[in-house]
Amino acid sequence: MPNFNILSTATTVLALSLSLLLAFTPQFIFWLFSLTGNEAAYFISRRAAIMFLGIAVLAWLGRKSAPSSLRQAVCLGMGVMMIGLALLGLGEFARGYTKAGILLAVTTEFMFGFAYVYLWKKHS
């Protein structure tokens, strides 16, 4: 399992990439997940881009943090978010709302989520 610094750096790369994609080319995400974009979806994509940018900044600036209650909160929060997104993606795939492209996101989210939960438990 990665240490907190490596995991946070990888999270920064992932979140910044998603932020840029959602801000400037949300059509790629819609294509990957087999969804149809419209003005409402593009509006939500731009808002989500800013949230992912915030996650990238948090992960980057906190990557060298020593074990603490704040770092534990970040690990648990990121773990819950990532696993929650993965479960949501599986649910949408199971009901036929999205196609197999979502499984790339689901796999990535589970990997990051379980890594954060592992670090949280390791230092509890």
C-alpha atoms as a PDB file:
ATOM      1  CA  MET A   1       0.000   0.000   0.000  1.00  0.00           C
ATOM      2  CA  PRO A   2       1.252   3.518  -0.757  1.00  0.00           C
ATOM      3  CA  ASN A   3       2.174   5.983   1.929  1.00  0.00           C
ATOM      4  CA  PHE A   4       0.180   9.154   2.442  1.00  0.00           C
ATOM      5  CA  ASN A   5       2.548  11.325   0.399  1.00  0.00           C
ATOM      6  CA  ILE A   6       2.386   9.061  -2.668  1.00  0.00           C
ATOM      7  CA  LEU A   7      -1.383   8.593  -2.400  1.00  0.00           C
ATOM      8  CA  SER A   8      -1.961  12.333  -2.008  1.00  0.00           C
ATOM      9  CA  THR A   9       0.264  13.098  -4.986  1.00  0.00           C
ATOM     10  CA  ALA A  10      -1.635  10.564  -7.116  1.00  0.00           C
ATOM     11  CA  THR A  11      -4.910  12.071  -5.891  1.00  0.00           C
ATOM     12  CA  THR A  12      -3.673  15.510  -6.936  1.00  0.00           C
ATOM     13  CA  VAL A  13      -2.938  14.273 -10.464  1.00  0.00           C
ATOM     14  CA  LEU A  14      -6.311  12.518 -10.717  1.00  0.00           C
ATOM     15  CA  ALA A  15      -8.351  15.394  -9.289  1.00  0.00           C
ATOM     16  CA  LEU A  16      -6.556  18.055 -11.341  1.00  0.00           C
ATOM     17  CA  SER A  17      -7.030  15.991 -14.513  1.00  0.00           C
ATOM     18  CA  LEU A  18     -10.732  15.570 -13.790  1.00  0.00           C
ATOM     19  CA  SER A  19     -11.049  19.266 -12.992  1.00  0.00           C
ATOM     20  CA  LEU A  20      -9.560  20.256 -16.340  1.00  0.00           C
ATOM     21  CA  LEU A  21     -11.615  17.679 -18.256  1.00  0.00           C
ATOM     22  CA  LEU A  22     -14.870  18.719 -16.615  1.00  0.00           C
ATOM     23  CA  ALA A  23     -14.145  22.418 -17.061  1.00  0.00           C
ATOM     24  CA  PHE A  24     -13.023  22.370 -20.678  1.00  0.00           C
ATOM     25  CA  THR A  25     -14.063  19.088 -22.337  1.00  0.00           C
ATOM     26  CA  PRO A  26     -16.942  17.554 -20.383  1.00  0.00           C
ATOM     27  CA  GLN A  27     -18.045  15.850 -23.608  1.00  0.00           C
ATOM     28  CA  PHE A  28     -15.210  13.341 -23.100  1.00  0.00           C
ATOM     29  CA  ILE A  29     -16.618  12.253 -19.737  1.00  0.00           C
ATOM     30  CA  PHE A  30     -20.114  12.012 -21.211  1.00  0.00           C
ATOM     31  CA  TRP A  31     -18.750   9.934 -24.079  1.00  0.00           C
ATOM     32  CA  LEU A  32     -16.790   7.649 -21.719  1.00  0.00           C
ATOM     33  CA  PHE A  33     -19.856   7.027 -19.572  1.00  0.00           C
ATOM     34  CA  SER A  34     -22.215   6.848 -22.592  1.00  0.00           C
ATOM     35  CA  LEU A  35     -24.250   9.837 -21.444  1.00  0.00           C
ATOM     36  CA  THR A  36     -25.855  12.665 -23.370  1.00  0.00           C
ATOM     37  CA  GLY A  37     -24.657  16.146 -22.522  1.00  0.00           C
ATOM     38  CA  ASN A  38     -26.951  19.165 -22.365  1.00  0.00           C
ATOM     39  CA  GLU A  39     -26.750  22.670 -20.916  1.00  0.00           C
ATOM     40  CA  ALA A  40     -27.723  21.498 -17.424  1.00  0.00           C
ATOM     41  CA  ALA A  41     -25.089  18.749 -17.521  1.00  0.00           C
ATOM     42  CA  TYR A  42     -22.418  21.217 -18.681  1.00  0.00           C
ATOM     43  CA  PHE A  43     -23.399  23.584 -15.857  1.00  0.00           C
ATOM     44  CA  ILE A  44     -22.997  20.803 -13.270  1.00  0.00           C
ATOM     45  CA  SER A  45     -19.723  19.716 -14.921  1.00  0.00           C
ATOM     46  CA  ARG A  46     -18.225  23.172 -14.492  1.00  0.00           C
ATOM     47  CA  ARG A  47     -19.261  23.233 -10.831  1.00  0.00           C
ATOM     48  CA  ALA A  48     -17.821  19.738 -10.280  1.00  0.00           C
ATOM     49  CA  ALA A  49     -14.592  20.935 -11.928  1.00  0.00           C
ATOM     50  CA  ILE A  50     -14.139  23.489  -9.159  1.00  0.00           C
ATOM     51  CA  MET A  51     -14.786  20.858  -6.480  1.00  0.00           C
ATOM     52  CA  PHE A  52     -12.142  18.588  -8.021  1.00  0.00           C
ATOM     53  CA  LEU A  53      -9.754  21.546  -8.149  1.00  0.00           C
ATOM     54  CA  GLY A  54     -10.296  22.035  -4.417  1.00  0.00           C
ATOM     55  CA  ILE A  55      -9.578  18.355  -3.787  1.00  0.00           C
ATOM     56  CA  ALA A  56      -6.387  18.626  -5.857  1.00  0.00           C
ATOM     57  CA  VAL A  57      -5.206  21.633  -3.830  1.00  0.00           C
ATOM     58  CA  LEU A  58      -6.044  19.916  -0.524  1.00  0.00           C
ATOM     59  CA  ALA A  59      -4.225  16.724  -1.535  1.00  0.00           C
ATOM     60  CA  TRP A  60      -1.162  18.581  -2.849  1.00  0.00           C
ATOM     61  CA  LEU A  61      -0.726  20.918   0.100  1.00  0.00           C
ATOM     62  CA  GLY A  62      -1.402  18.169   2.654  1.00  0.00           C
ATOM     63  CA  ARG A  63       0.722  15.447   1.072  1.00  0.00           C
ATOM     64  CA  LYS A  64       3.648  15.831   3.493  1.00  0.00           C
ATOM     65  CA  SER A  65       1.521  16.022   6.635  1.00  0.00           C
ATOM     66  CA  ALA A  66       2.618  13.977   9.608  1.00  0.00           C
ATOM     67  CA  PRO A  67       0.081  11.607  11.156  1.00  0.00           C
ATOM     68  CA  SER A  68      -2.486  13.693  13.034  1.00  0.00           C
ATOM     69  CA  SER A  69      -6.207  13.859  13.701  1.00  0.00           C
ATOM     70  CA  LEU A  70      -6.584  16.220  10.735  1.00  0.00           C
ATOM     71  CA  ARG A  71      -4.776  13.809   8.397  1.00  0.00           C
ATOM     72  CA  GLN A  72      -6.953  10.993   9.726  1.00  0.00           C
ATOM     73  CA  ALA A  73     -10.053  13.045   8.896  1.00  0.00           C
ATOM     74  CA  VAL A  74      -8.739  13.638   5.364  1.00  0.00           C
ATOM     75  CA  CYS A  75      -8.057   9.905   4.905  1.00  0.00           C
ATOM     76  CA  LEU A  76     -11.509   8.895   6.110  1.00  0.00           C
ATOM     77  CA  GLY A  77     -13.255  11.649   4.159  1.00  0.00           C
ATOM     78  CA  MET A  78     -11.433  10.807   0.926  1.00  0.00           C
ATOM     79  CA  GLY A  79     -12.050   7.102   1.479  1.00  0.00           C
ATOM     80  CA  VAL A  80     -15.777   7.609   2.022  1.00  0.00           C
ATOM     81  CA  MET A  81     -16.025   9.912  -1.004  1.00  0.00           C
ATOM     82  CA  MET A  82     -14.140   7.561  -3.343  1.00  0.00           C
ATOM     83  CA  ILE A  83     -15.924   4.394  -2.227  1.00  0.00           C
ATOM     84  CA  GLY A  84     -19.255   6.235  -2.349  1.00  0.00           C
ATOM     85  CA  LEU A  85     -18.582   7.358  -5.927  1.00  0.00           C
ATOM     86  CA  ALA A  86     -17.604   3.805  -6.876  1.00  0.00           C
ATOM     87  CA  LEU A  87     -20.802   2.370  -5.398  1.00  0.00           C
ATOM     88  CA  LEU A  88     -22.882   5.052  -7.103  1.00  0.00           C
ATOM     89  CA  GLY A  89     -21.187   4.224 -10.417  1.00  0.00           C
ATOM     90  CA  LEU A  90     -21.894   0.514  -9.967  1.00  0.00           C
ATOM     91  CA  GLY A  91     -25.520   1.293  -9.193  1.00  0.00           C
ATOM     92  CA  GLU A  92     -25.909   3.427 -12.316  1.00  0.00           C
ATOM     93  CA  PHE A  93     -24.231   0.722 -14.400  1.00  0.00           C
ATOM     94  CA  ALA A  94     -26.495  -1.976 -12.904  1.00  0.00           C
ATOM     95  CA  ARG A  95     -29.637  -0.023 -13.740  1.00  0.00           C
ATOM     96  CA  GLY A  96     -28.402   0.520 -17.301  1.00  0.00           C
ATOM     97  CA  TYR A  97     -28.025   4.284 -17.070  1.00  0.00           C
ATOM     98  CA  THR A  98     -24.357   4.158 -18.096  1.00  0.00           C
ATOM     99  CA  LYS A  99     -22.235   1.716 -20.063  1.00  0.00           C
ATOM    100  CA  ALA A 100     -18.961  -0.117 -19.376  1.00  0.00           C
ATOM    101  CA  GLY A 101     -16.875   3.086 -19.475  1.00  0.00           C
ATOM    102  CA  ILE A 102     -18.001   3.795 -15.912  1.00  0.00           C
ATOM    103  CA  LEU A 103     -16.089   0.714 -14.773  1.00  0.00           C
ATOM    104  CA  LEU A 104     -12.797   2.554 -15.334  1.00  0.00           C
ATOM    105  CA  ALA A 105     -13.943   5.214 -12.881  1.00  0.00           C
ATOM    106  CA  VAL A 106     -15.354   2.619 -10.473  1.00  0.00           C
ATOM    107  CA  THR A 107     -12.085   0.669 -10.405  1.00  0.00           C
ATOM    108  CA  THR A 108     -10.030   3.817  -9.851  1.00  0.00           C
ATOM    109  CA  GLU A 109     -12.377   5.068  -7.130  1.00  0.00           C
ATOM    110  CA  PHE A 110     -12.307   1.742  -5.278  1.00  0.00           C
ATOM    111  CA  MET A 111      -8.497   1.629  -5.449  1.00  0.00           C
ATOM    112  CA  PHE A 112      -8.109   5.152  -4.086  1.00  0.00           C
ATOM    113  CA  GLY A 113     -10.910   4.699  -1.557  1.00  0.00           C
ATOM    114  CA  PHE A 114      -9.541   1.486  -0.083  1.00  0.00           C
ATOM    115  CA  ALA A 115      -6.017   2.957   0.008  1.00  0.00           C
ATOM    116  CA  TYR A 116      -7.254   5.952   2.016  1.00  0.00           C
ATOM    117  CA  VAL A 117      -9.269   3.734   4.374  1.00  0.00           C
ATOM    118  CA  TYR A 118      -6.217   1.493   4.801  1.00  0.00           C
ATOM    119  CA  LEU A 119      -4.089   4.491   5.824  1.00  0.00           C
ATOM    120  CA  TRP A 120      -6.840   5.698   8.146  1.00  0.00           C
ATOM    121  CA  LYS A 121      -7.049   2.305   9.880  1.00  0.00           C
ATOM    122  CA  LYS A 122      -3.262   1.927   9.973  1.00  0.00           C
ATOM    123  CA  HIS A 123      -2.896   5.113  12.016  1.00  0.00           C
ATOM    124  CA  SER A 124      -6.061   4.759  14.152  1.00  0.00           C
END
